[in-house]
């Protein structure tokens, strides 16, 4: 079964290594920018988060399935070995993205992206619990800083406050993504990352399909078009591009670049939605990003 790195190598074997590395970095930055752009669809699409996510995973699974078919990857072994886990992770993926878009809809793109971006800290906290590994005290301190940055964004701790709600939804989105990332890390040691993404999107589609069946209003052409772009460009294509870029870039470098997702999202929201984050949001976001980058560097150094 051909892997993504084999396909990438065949495409680029005639390029000098330095040029390959530069192109790979550009691909990872481009994929990260598309991940950040996805958050804006929570404002553009006038649907509930359940239907937005359903459209996203449905069109993403179609696109990823087509890519895997073109690459002639066999999926039977992958499905047979991890069927139950794919069903479970499909549900977790659904919950993660529903919480993510809910965060953005009730608050802003900046609040949703920044609070969600705490997920690497949740990852290093959950990993010892789920896989019986030793807890890192410094990572605990960094987790505290990250959460401090998230709550610094909140102007007042009032359940009726939209920013307060947005941060809580965003943190929950980050927590569920951390669970997803931990199991995906183990799955990717045996299976293609594109195959994993395909099956998780597929089962997420099945998990969310009942919400479409009870939806009574007609789906407008505008919303359908935006869902197609969200699913194909900002999900399937960006995921493929990110994997492709990792062929000639260290995993630690790719991880650090991926922390720029909220930065790209906030900049795009400024130009496309005219959203201007306040001082508290920027300060809290700076603390979050600094903590996440340090965690990514330390984790990369520990595993290399």
C-alpha atoms as a PDB file:
ATOM      1  CA  UNK A   1       0.000   0.000   0.000  1.00  0.00           C
ATOM      2  CA  UNK A   2       1.704   3.274  -1.077  1.00  0.00           C
ATOM      3  CA  UNK A   3       2.180   5.873   1.632  1.00  0.00           C
ATOM      4  CA  UNK A   4       1.836   9.647   1.243  1.00  0.00           C
ATOM      5  CA  UNK A   5       5.606  10.149   1.560  1.00  0.00           C
ATOM      6  CA  UNK A   6       6.246   7.682  -1.303  1.00  0.00           C
ATOM      7  CA  UNK A   7       3.897   9.591  -3.599  1.00  0.00           C
ATOM      8  CA  UNK A   8       5.471  12.891  -2.589  1.00  0.00           C
ATOM      9  CA  UNK A   9       8.957  11.503  -3.200  1.00  0.00           C
ATOM     10  CA  UNK A  10       8.055  10.377  -6.709  1.00  0.00           C
ATOM     11  CA  UNK A  11       6.764  13.854  -7.487  1.00  0.00           C
ATOM     12  CA  UNK A  12       9.813  15.683  -6.123  1.00  0.00           C
ATOM     13  CA  UNK A  13      12.798  13.379  -6.465  1.00  0.00           C
ATOM     14  CA  UNK A  14      14.362  15.625  -9.118  1.00  0.00           C
ATOM     15  CA  UNK A  15      14.362  18.735  -6.874  1.00  0.00           C
ATOM     16  CA  UNK A  16      17.406  19.829  -4.800  1.00  0.00           C
ATOM     17  CA  UNK A  17      16.955  19.109  -1.066  1.00  0.00           C
ATOM     18  CA  UNK A  18      17.053  22.812  -0.092  1.00  0.00           C
ATOM     19  CA  UNK A  19      14.288  23.636  -2.580  1.00  0.00           C
ATOM     20  CA  UNK A  20      12.274  20.617  -1.383  1.00  0.00           C
ATOM     21  CA  UNK A  21      12.533  21.859   2.191  1.00  0.00           C
ATOM     22  CA  UNK A  22      11.466  25.421   1.291  1.00  0.00           C
ATOM     23  CA  UNK A  23       8.519  24.147  -0.719  1.00  0.00           C
ATOM     24  CA  UNK A  24       7.484  21.827   2.108  1.00  0.00           C
ATOM     25  CA  UNK A  25       7.540  24.697   4.615  1.00  0.00           C
ATOM     26  CA  UNK A  26       5.415  26.767   2.230  1.00  0.00           C
ATOM     27  CA  UNK A  27       2.949  23.887   1.877  1.00  0.00           C
ATOM     28  CA  UNK A  28       2.611  23.537   5.648  1.00  0.00           C
ATOM     29  CA  UNK A  29       2.091  27.296   6.041  1.00  0.00           C
ATOM     30  CA  UNK A  30      -0.527  27.214   3.273  1.00  0.00           C
ATOM     31  CA  UNK A  31      -2.334  24.283   4.893  1.00  0.00           C
ATOM     32  CA  UNK A  32      -2.256  26.047   8.272  1.00  0.00           C
ATOM     33  CA  UNK A  33      -3.704  29.196   6.715  1.00  0.00           C
ATOM     34  CA  UNK A  34      -6.532  27.114   5.222  1.00  0.00           C
ATOM     35  CA  UNK A  35      -7.178  25.572   8.649  1.00  0.00           C
ATOM     36  CA  UNK A  36      -7.456  29.097  10.028  1.00  0.00           C
ATOM     37  CA  UNK A  37      -9.729  30.155   7.155  1.00  0.00           C
ATOM     38  CA  UNK A  38     -12.140  27.329   8.079  1.00  0.00           C
ATOM     39  CA  UNK A  39     -13.121  29.236  11.213  1.00  0.00           C
ATOM     40  CA  UNK A  40     -14.578  32.080   9.151  1.00  0.00           C
ATOM     41  CA  UNK A  41     -17.191  29.746   7.689  1.00  0.00           C
ATOM     42  CA  UNK A  42     -18.844  29.724  11.107  1.00  0.00           C
ATOM     43  CA  UNK A  43     -19.783  33.346  10.400  1.00  0.00           C
ATOM     44  CA  UNK A  44     -20.469  32.978   6.671  1.00  0.00           C
ATOM     45  CA  UNK A  45     -22.785  29.949   6.807  1.00  0.00           C
ATOM     46  CA  UNK A  46     -26.203  30.646   8.318  1.00  0.00           C
ATOM     47  CA  UNK A  47     -26.743  27.139   9.688  1.00  0.00           C
ATOM     48  CA  UNK A  48     -26.460  25.386  13.031  1.00  0.00           C
ATOM     49  CA  UNK A  49     -22.991  24.039  13.918  1.00  0.00           C
ATOM     50  CA  UNK A  50     -24.320  20.483  13.495  1.00  0.00           C
ATOM     51  CA  UNK A  51     -25.224  21.094   9.852  1.00  0.00           C
ATOM     52  CA  UNK A  52     -22.019  23.028   9.142  1.00  0.00           C
ATOM     53  CA  UNK A  53     -19.947  20.122  10.443  1.00  0.00           C
ATOM     54  CA  UNK A  54     -22.093  17.594   8.595  1.00  0.00           C
ATOM     55  CA  UNK A  55     -21.461  19.426   5.322  1.00  0.00           C
ATOM     56  CA  UNK A  56     -17.766  19.704   6.111  1.00  0.00           C
ATOM     57  CA  UNK A  57     -17.183  16.020   6.868  1.00  0.00           C
ATOM     58  CA  UNK A  58     -19.480  14.825   4.058  1.00  0.00           C
ATOM     59  CA  UNK A  59     -17.646  16.714   1.313  1.00  0.00           C
ATOM     60  CA  UNK A  60     -14.262  16.080   2.936  1.00  0.00           C
ATOM     61  CA  UNK A  61     -14.889  12.326   2.988  1.00  0.00           C
ATOM     62  CA  UNK A  62     -15.895  12.409  -0.707  1.00  0.00           C
ATOM     63  CA  UNK A  63     -12.727  14.291  -1.636  1.00  0.00           C
ATOM     64  CA  UNK A  64     -10.438  12.135   0.504  1.00  0.00           C
ATOM     65  CA  UNK A  65     -12.059   8.997  -0.862  1.00  0.00           C
ATOM     66  CA  UNK A  66     -11.344  10.184  -4.402  1.00  0.00           C
ATOM     67  CA  UNK A  67      -7.717  10.929  -3.498  1.00  0.00           C
ATOM     68  CA  UNK A  68      -7.235   7.511  -1.910  1.00  0.00           C
ATOM     69  CA  UNK A  69      -8.867   5.850  -4.931  1.00  0.00           C
ATOM     70  CA  UNK A  70      -6.498   7.708  -7.274  1.00  0.00           C
ATOM     71  CA  UNK A  71      -3.553   6.601  -5.114  1.00  0.00           C
ATOM     72  CA  UNK A  72      -4.890   3.011  -5.243  1.00  0.00           C
ATOM     73  CA  UNK A  73      -4.705   2.605  -1.489  1.00  0.00           C
ATOM     74  CA  UNK A  74      -6.511  -0.436  -0.098  1.00  0.00           C
ATOM     75  CA  UNK A  75      -8.735   0.474   2.833  1.00  0.00           C
ATOM     76  CA  UNK A  76     -10.007  -2.965   3.832  1.00  0.00           C
ATOM     77  CA  UNK A  77      -7.115  -3.774   6.162  1.00  0.00           C
ATOM     78  CA  UNK A  78      -7.285  -0.365   7.821  1.00  0.00           C
ATOM     79  CA  UNK A  79     -11.027  -0.654   8.418  1.00  0.00           C
ATOM     80  CA  UNK A  80     -10.831  -4.259   9.625  1.00  0.00           C
ATOM     81  CA  UNK A  81      -8.109  -3.484  12.184  1.00  0.00           C
ATOM     82  CA  UNK A  82      -9.585  -0.272  13.604  1.00  0.00           C
ATOM     83  CA  UNK A  83     -13.332  -0.245  12.875  1.00  0.00           C
ATOM     84  CA  UNK A  84     -14.489   0.342  16.451  1.00  0.00           C
ATOM     85  CA  UNK A  85     -11.904   3.066  16.992  1.00  0.00           C
ATOM     86  CA  UNK A  86     -12.921   4.847  13.778  1.00  0.00           C
ATOM     87  CA  UNK A  87     -16.568   4.835  14.864  1.00  0.00           C
ATOM     88  CA  UNK A  88     -15.600   6.293  18.248  1.00  0.00           C
ATOM     89  CA  UNK A  89     -13.235   8.890  16.794  1.00  0.00           C
ATOM     90  CA  UNK A  90     -15.799   9.881  14.166  1.00  0.00           C
ATOM     91  CA  UNK A  91     -18.142  10.800  17.020  1.00  0.00           C
ATOM     92  CA  UNK A  92     -15.343  12.679  18.825  1.00  0.00           C
ATOM     93  CA  UNK A  93     -14.473  14.560  15.609  1.00  0.00           C
ATOM     94  CA  UNK A  94     -18.125  15.583  15.247  1.00  0.00           C
ATOM     95  CA  UNK A  95     -18.267  16.901  18.805  1.00  0.00           C
ATOM     96  CA  UNK A  96     -14.959  18.711  18.364  1.00  0.00           C
ATOM     97  CA  UNK A  97     -16.008  20.629  15.253  1.00  0.00           C
ATOM     98  CA  UNK A  98     -19.522  21.353  16.544  1.00  0.00           C
ATOM     99  CA  UNK A  99     -17.998  22.922  19.672  1.00  0.00           C
ATOM    100  CA  UNK A 100     -15.473  24.814  17.520  1.00  0.00           C
ATOM    101  CA  UNK A 101     -18.083  26.412  15.251  1.00  0.00           C
ATOM    102  CA  UNK A 102     -20.393  27.058  18.195  1.00  0.00           C
ATOM    103  CA  UNK A 103     -17.575  28.977  19.876  1.00  0.00           C
ATOM    104  CA  UNK A 104     -17.093  31.147  16.789  1.00  0.00           C
ATOM    105  CA  UNK A 105     -20.807  31.715  16.244  1.00  0.00           C
ATOM    106  CA  UNK A 106     -21.483  32.909  19.793  1.00  0.00           C
ATOM    107  CA  UNK A 107     -18.328  35.054  20.044  1.00  0.00           C
ATOM    108  CA  UNK A 108     -15.741  35.744  17.317  1.00  0.00           C
ATOM    109  CA  UNK A 109     -13.216  33.999  15.097  1.00  0.00           C
ATOM    110  CA  UNK A 110     -10.350  35.200  17.320  1.00  0.00           C
ATOM    111  CA  UNK A 111     -11.927  33.903  20.535  1.00  0.00           C
ATOM    112  CA  UNK A 112     -12.834  30.550  18.987  1.00  0.00           C
ATOM    113  CA  UNK A 113      -9.439  29.943  17.395  1.00  0.00           C
ATOM    114  CA  UNK A 114      -7.368  31.086  20.372  1.00  0.00           C
ATOM    115  CA  UNK A 115      -9.268  29.083  22.981  1.00  0.00           C
ATOM    116  CA  UNK A 116      -9.268  25.996  20.735  1.00  0.00           C
ATOM    117  CA  UNK A 117      -5.514  26.359  20.172  1.00  0.00           C
ATOM    118  CA  UNK A 118      -4.929  25.267  23.789  1.00  0.00           C
ATOM    119  CA  UNK A 119      -5.268  21.669  22.551  1.00  0.00           C
ATOM    120  CA  UNK A 120      -1.497  20.840  22.628  1.00  0.00           C
ATOM    121  CA  UNK A 121      -1.509  21.564  26.346  1.00  0.00           C
ATOM    122  CA  UNK A 122      -4.482  19.254  26.856  1.00  0.00           C
ATOM    123  CA  UNK A 123      -2.588  16.664  24.825  1.00  0.00           C
ATOM    124  CA  UNK A 124       0.454  16.623  27.104  1.00  0.00           C
ATOM    125  CA  UNK A 125      -1.829  16.464  30.135  1.00  0.00           C
ATOM    126  CA  UNK A 126      -4.004  13.625  28.804  1.00  0.00           C
ATOM    127  CA  UNK A 127      -1.219  11.505  27.326  1.00  0.00           C
ATOM    128  CA  UNK A 128       0.143  10.312  30.705  1.00  0.00           C
ATOM    129  CA  UNK A 129      -3.401   9.498  31.877  1.00  0.00           C
ATOM    130  CA  UNK A 130      -4.456   7.588  28.769  1.00  0.00           C
ATOM    131  CA  UNK A 131      -1.179   5.794  28.063  1.00  0.00           C
ATOM    132  CA  UNK A 132       0.323   5.535  31.578  1.00  0.00           C
ATOM    133  CA  UNK A 133       3.264   7.799  30.879  1.00  0.00           C
ATOM    134  CA  UNK A 134       5.098  10.042  33.319  1.00  0.00           C
ATOM    135  CA  UNK A 135       3.641  13.518  33.893  1.00  0.00           C
ATOM    136  CA  UNK A 136       5.975  16.419  33.020  1.00  0.00           C
ATOM    137  CA  UNK A 137       5.930  19.109  35.732  1.00  0.00           C
ATOM    138  CA  UNK A 138       7.061  21.872  33.374  1.00  0.00           C
ATOM    139  CA  UNK A 139       4.238  21.027  30.988  1.00  0.00           C
ATOM    140  CA  UNK A 140       1.836  21.354  33.921  1.00  0.00           C
ATOM    141  CA  UNK A 141       3.136  24.875  34.519  1.00  0.00           C
ATOM    142  CA  UNK A 142       2.815  25.703  30.824  1.00  0.00           C
ATOM    143  CA  UNK A 143      -0.735  24.336  30.875  1.00  0.00           C
ATOM    144  CA  UNK A 144      -1.488  26.749  33.705  1.00  0.00           C
ATOM    145  CA  UNK A 145      -0.139  29.669  31.657  1.00  0.00           C
ATOM    146  CA  UNK A 146      -2.175  28.554  28.648  1.00  0.00           C
ATOM    147  CA  UNK A 147      -5.406  28.410  30.624  1.00  0.00           C
ATOM    148  CA  UNK A 148      -4.567  31.756  32.242  1.00  0.00           C
ATOM    149  CA  UNK A 149      -4.255  33.230  28.738  1.00  0.00           C
ATOM    150  CA  UNK A 150      -7.609  31.708  27.746  1.00  0.00           C
ATOM    151  CA  UNK A 151      -9.419  33.142  30.751  1.00  0.00           C
ATOM    152  CA  UNK A 152      -7.649  36.488  30.345  1.00  0.00           C
ATOM    153  CA  UNK A 153      -9.642  36.843  27.108  1.00  0.00           C
ATOM    154  CA  UNK A 154     -12.893  36.801  29.128  1.00  0.00           C
ATOM    155  CA  UNK A 155     -13.988  40.345  30.112  1.00  0.00           C
ATOM    156  CA  UNK A 156     -16.252  39.083  32.925  1.00  0.00           C
ATOM    157  CA  UNK A 157     -17.148  35.649  34.273  1.00  0.00           C
ATOM    158  CA  UNK A 158     -20.815  35.818  33.479  1.00  0.00           C
ATOM    159  CA  UNK A 159     -22.502  32.789  31.839  1.00  0.00           C
ATOM    160  CA  UNK A 160     -24.578  35.248  29.800  1.00  0.00           C
ATOM    161  CA  UNK A 161     -21.450  36.891  28.355  1.00  0.00           C
ATOM    162  CA  UNK A 162     -20.831  35.761  24.757  1.00  0.00           C
ATOM    163  CA  UNK A 163     -17.039  35.823  25.111  1.00  0.00           C
ATOM    164  CA  UNK A 164     -17.246  33.674  28.244  1.00  0.00           C
ATOM    165  CA  UNK A 165     -19.414  31.193  26.337  1.00  0.00           C
ATOM    166  CA  UNK A 166     -17.072  31.312  23.334  1.00  0.00           C
ATOM    167  CA  UNK A 167     -13.991  30.545  25.429  1.00  0.00           C
ATOM    168  CA  UNK A 168     -15.666  27.604  27.181  1.00  0.00           C
ATOM    169  CA  UNK A 169     -16.866  26.139  23.874  1.00  0.00           C
ATOM    170  CA  UNK A 170     -13.390  26.716  22.403  1.00  0.00           C
ATOM    171  CA  UNK A 171     -11.639  25.013  25.320  1.00  0.00           C
ATOM    172  CA  UNK A 172     -14.020  22.056  25.037  1.00  0.00           C
ATOM    173  CA  UNK A 173     -13.226  21.918  21.321  1.00  0.00           C
ATOM    174  CA  UNK A 174      -9.509  21.871  22.154  1.00  0.00           C
ATOM    175  CA  UNK A 175     -10.006  19.129  24.746  1.00  0.00           C
ATOM    176  CA  UNK A 176     -11.861  16.866  22.302  1.00  0.00           C
ATOM    177  CA  UNK A 177      -9.273  17.536  19.604  1.00  0.00           C
ATOM    178  CA  UNK A 178      -6.526  16.539  22.046  1.00  0.00           C
ATOM    179  CA  UNK A 179      -8.253  13.175  22.547  1.00  0.00           C
ATOM    180  CA  UNK A 180      -8.520  12.805  18.782  1.00  0.00           C
ATOM    181  CA  UNK A 181      -4.859  13.720  18.261  1.00  0.00           C
ATOM    182  CA  UNK A 182      -3.613  11.207  20.838  1.00  0.00           C
ATOM    183  CA  UNK A 183      -5.437   8.263  19.258  1.00  0.00           C
ATOM    184  CA  UNK A 184      -4.540   9.434  15.744  1.00  0.00           C
ATOM    185  CA  UNK A 185      -0.878   9.511  16.754  1.00  0.00           C
ATOM    186  CA  UNK A 186      -1.076   5.821  17.598  1.00  0.00           C
ATOM    187  CA  UNK A 187      -3.130   4.950  14.508  1.00  0.00           C
ATOM    188  CA  UNK A 188      -0.719   6.788  12.184  1.00  0.00           C
ATOM    189  CA  UNK A 189       2.105   4.481  13.264  1.00  0.00           C
ATOM    190  CA  UNK A 190       0.382   1.680  11.312  1.00  0.00           C
ATOM    191  CA  UNK A 191      -1.923   3.355   8.822  1.00  0.00           C
ATOM    192  CA  UNK A 192      -1.956   6.144   6.244  1.00  0.00           C
ATOM    193  CA  UNK A 193      -2.937   9.524   7.678  1.00  0.00           C
ATOM    194  CA  UNK A 194      -5.227  10.159   4.719  1.00  0.00           C
ATOM    195  CA  UNK A 195      -7.012   6.855   5.310  1.00  0.00           C
ATOM    196  CA  UNK A 196      -7.471   7.741   8.985  1.00  0.00           C
ATOM    197  CA  UNK A 197      -8.903  11.151   8.073  1.00  0.00           C
ATOM    198  CA  UNK A 198     -11.198   9.570   5.481  1.00  0.00           C
ATOM    199  CA  UNK A 199     -12.729   7.039   7.872  1.00  0.00           C
ATOM    200  CA  UNK A 200     -13.107   9.565  10.683  1.00  0.00           C
ATOM    201  CA  UNK A 201     -14.864  12.008   8.336  1.00  0.00           C
ATOM    202  CA  UNK A 202     -17.008   9.176   6.985  1.00  0.00           C
ATOM    203  CA  UNK A 203     -18.184   8.026  10.414  1.00  0.00           C
ATOM    204  CA  UNK A 204     -18.641  11.626  11.535  1.00  0.00           C
ATOM    205  CA  UNK A 205     -20.967  12.044   8.534  1.00  0.00           C
ATOM    206  CA  UNK A 206     -22.991   9.013   9.624  1.00  0.00           C
ATOM    207  CA  UNK A 207     -23.062  10.286  13.203  1.00  0.00           C
ATOM    208  CA  UNK A 208     -24.422  13.710  12.163  1.00  0.00           C
ATOM    209  CA  UNK A 209     -26.760  12.572   9.360  1.00  0.00           C
ATOM    210  CA  UNK A 210     -29.891  12.539  11.587  1.00  0.00           C
ATOM    211  CA  UNK A 211     -29.533  16.310  12.075  1.00  0.00           C
ATOM    212  CA  UNK A 212     -29.996  16.764   8.332  1.00  0.00           C
ATOM    213  CA  UNK A 213     -33.063  14.540   8.309  1.00  0.00           C
ATOM    214  CA  UNK A 214     -34.809  16.740  10.905  1.00  0.00           C
ATOM    215  CA  UNK A 215     -33.746  19.985   9.184  1.00  0.00           C
ATOM    216  CA  UNK A 216     -36.892  21.465   7.659  1.00  0.00           C
ATOM    217  CA  UNK A 217     -35.637  24.521   5.780  1.00  0.00           C
ATOM    218  CA  UNK A 218     -34.279  24.255   2.208  1.00  0.00           C
ATOM    219  CA  UNK A 219     -30.505  24.438   1.839  1.00  0.00           C
ATOM    220  CA  UNK A 220     -29.639  27.582  -0.116  1.00  0.00           C
ATOM    221  CA  UNK A 221     -27.220  27.516  -3.048  1.00  0.00           C
ATOM    222  CA  UNK A 222     -24.909  29.907  -1.167  1.00  0.00           C
ATOM    223  CA  UNK A 223     -24.698  27.700   1.925  1.00  0.00           C
ATOM    224  CA  UNK A 224     -24.206  24.585  -0.221  1.00  0.00           C
ATOM    225  CA  UNK A 225     -21.364  26.247  -2.125  1.00  0.00           C
ATOM    226  CA  UNK A 226     -19.693  27.367   1.127  1.00  0.00           C
ATOM    227  CA  UNK A 227     -20.015  23.865   2.602  1.00  0.00           C
ATOM    228  CA  UNK A 228     -18.344  22.391  -0.495  1.00  0.00           C
ATOM    229  CA  UNK A 229     -15.443  24.843  -0.192  1.00  0.00           C
ATOM    230  CA  UNK A 230     -15.171  24.175   3.548  1.00  0.00           C
ATOM    231  CA  UNK A 231     -15.159  20.403   3.087  1.00  0.00           C
ATOM    232  CA  UNK A 232     -12.956  20.109   0.007  1.00  0.00           C
ATOM    233  CA  UNK A 233     -10.547  23.064   0.183  1.00  0.00           C
ATOM    234  CA  UNK A 234     -10.295  23.826   3.916  1.00  0.00           C
ATOM    235  CA  UNK A 235     -10.443  20.192   5.060  1.00  0.00           C
ATOM    236  CA  UNK A 236      -9.517  17.517   2.503  1.00  0.00           C
ATOM    237  CA  UNK A 237      -7.073  19.600   0.437  1.00  0.00           C
ATOM    238  CA  UNK A 238      -5.481  21.326   3.446  1.00  0.00           C
ATOM    239  CA  UNK A 239      -5.038  18.004   5.256  1.00  0.00           C
ATOM    240  CA  UNK A 240      -3.433  16.461   2.166  1.00  0.00           C
ATOM    241  CA  UNK A 241      -1.203  19.510   1.700  1.00  0.00           C
ATOM    242  CA  UNK A 242      -0.063  19.390   5.333  1.00  0.00           C
ATOM    243  CA  UNK A 243       0.876  15.697   5.072  1.00  0.00           C
ATOM    244  CA  UNK A 244       2.637  16.356   1.780  1.00  0.00           C
ATOM    245  CA  UNK A 245       4.665  19.171   3.325  1.00  0.00           C
ATOM    246  CA  UNK A 246       5.869  16.981   6.191  1.00  0.00           C
ATOM    247  CA  UNK A 247       7.909  14.857   3.751  1.00  0.00           C
ATOM    248  CA  UNK A 248      10.910  17.206   3.965  1.00  0.00           C
ATOM    249  CA  UNK A 249      10.186  19.045   7.234  1.00  0.00           C
ATOM    250  CA  UNK A 250      10.768  17.834  10.795  1.00  0.00           C
ATOM    251  CA  UNK A 251       7.626  16.956  12.736  1.00  0.00           C
ATOM    252  CA  UNK A 252       8.587  19.509  15.403  1.00  0.00           C
ATOM    253  CA  UNK A 253       8.840  22.269  12.772  1.00  0.00           C
ATOM    254  CA  UNK A 254       5.459  21.328  11.334  1.00  0.00           C
ATOM    255  CA  UNK A 255       3.958  21.320  14.836  1.00  0.00           C
ATOM    256  CA  UNK A 256       5.279  24.816  15.568  1.00  0.00           C
ATOM    257  CA  UNK A 257       4.036  26.150  12.215  1.00  0.00           C
ATOM    258  CA  UNK A 258       0.588  24.687  12.948  1.00  0.00           C
ATOM    259  CA  UNK A 259       0.374  26.862  16.092  1.00  0.00           C
ATOM    260  CA  UNK A 260       0.045  29.824  13.709  1.00  0.00           C
ATOM    261  CA  UNK A 261      -3.468  28.669  12.766  1.00  0.00           C
ATOM    262  CA  UNK A 262      -5.194  31.260  15.025  1.00  0.00           C
ATOM    263  CA  UNK A 263      -2.828  33.977  13.761  1.00  0.00           C
ATOM    264  CA  UNK A 264      -3.760  33.268  10.156  1.00  0.00           C
ATOM    265  CA  UNK A 265      -7.429  33.004  11.118  1.00  0.00           C
ATOM    266  CA  UNK A 266      -7.437  36.326  12.996  1.00  0.00           C
ATOM    267  CA  UNK A 267      -5.676  38.114  10.127  1.00  0.00           C
ATOM    268  CA  UNK A 268      -8.114  36.660   7.583  1.00  0.00           C
ATOM    269  CA  UNK A 269     -11.080  37.571   9.819  1.00  0.00           C
ATOM    270  CA  UNK A 270      -9.758  41.136  10.020  1.00  0.00           C
ATOM    271  CA  UNK A 271      -9.670  41.523   6.229  1.00  0.00           C
ATOM    272  CA  UNK A 272     -12.678  39.394   5.263  1.00  0.00           C
ATOM    273  CA  UNK A 273     -15.036  39.924   8.222  1.00  0.00           C
ATOM    274  CA  UNK A 274     -13.668  43.203   9.578  1.00  0.00           C
ATOM    275  CA  UNK A 275     -13.342  41.648  13.042  1.00  0.00           C
ATOM    276  CA  UNK A 276     -10.921  43.569  15.241  1.00  0.00           C
ATOM    277  CA  UNK A 277      -9.876  41.658  18.395  1.00  0.00           C
ATOM    278  CA  UNK A 278      -9.613  43.675  21.616  1.00  0.00           C
ATOM    279  CA  UNK A 279      -6.515  44.152  23.744  1.00  0.00           C
ATOM    280  CA  UNK A 280      -7.451  41.401  26.229  1.00  0.00           C
ATOM    281  CA  UNK A 281      -7.980  38.931  23.382  1.00  0.00           C
ATOM    282  CA  UNK A 282      -4.604  39.758  21.844  1.00  0.00           C
ATOM    283  CA  UNK A 283      -2.797  39.592  25.208  1.00  0.00           C
ATOM    284  CA  UNK A 284      -4.446  36.323  26.184  1.00  0.00           C
ATOM    285  CA  UNK A 285      -3.782  34.949  22.718  1.00  0.00           C
ATOM    286  CA  UNK A 286      -0.094  35.869  22.948  1.00  0.00           C
ATOM    287  CA  UNK A 287       0.206  33.970  26.253  1.00  0.00           C
ATOM    288  CA  UNK A 288      -1.623  30.960  24.791  1.00  0.00           C
ATOM    289  CA  UNK A 289       0.525  30.842  21.654  1.00  0.00           C
ATOM    290  CA  UNK A 290       3.764  31.284  23.605  1.00  0.00           C
ATOM    291  CA  UNK A 291       2.816  28.426  25.948  1.00  0.00           C
ATOM    292  CA  UNK A 292       1.780  26.173  23.074  1.00  0.00           C
ATOM    293  CA  UNK A 293       4.985  26.843  21.124  1.00  0.00           C
ATOM    294  CA  UNK A 294       7.133  26.001  24.169  1.00  0.00           C
ATOM    295  CA  UNK A 295       5.146  22.795  24.727  1.00  0.00           C
ATOM    296  CA  UNK A 296       5.589  21.845  21.053  1.00  0.00           C
ATOM    297  CA  UNK A 297       9.339  22.445  21.206  1.00  0.00           C
ATOM    298  CA  UNK A 298       9.739  20.454  24.415  1.00  0.00           C
ATOM    299  CA  UNK A 299       7.620  17.571  23.144  1.00  0.00           C
ATOM    300  CA  UNK A 300       9.542  17.517  19.863  1.00  0.00           C
ATOM    301  CA  UNK A 301      12.881  17.468  21.680  1.00  0.00           C
ATOM    302  CA  UNK A 302      11.670  14.682  24.018  1.00  0.00           C
ATOM    303  CA  UNK A 303      10.555  12.417  21.166  1.00  0.00           C
ATOM    304  CA  UNK A 304      13.541  12.977  18.887  1.00  0.00           C
END
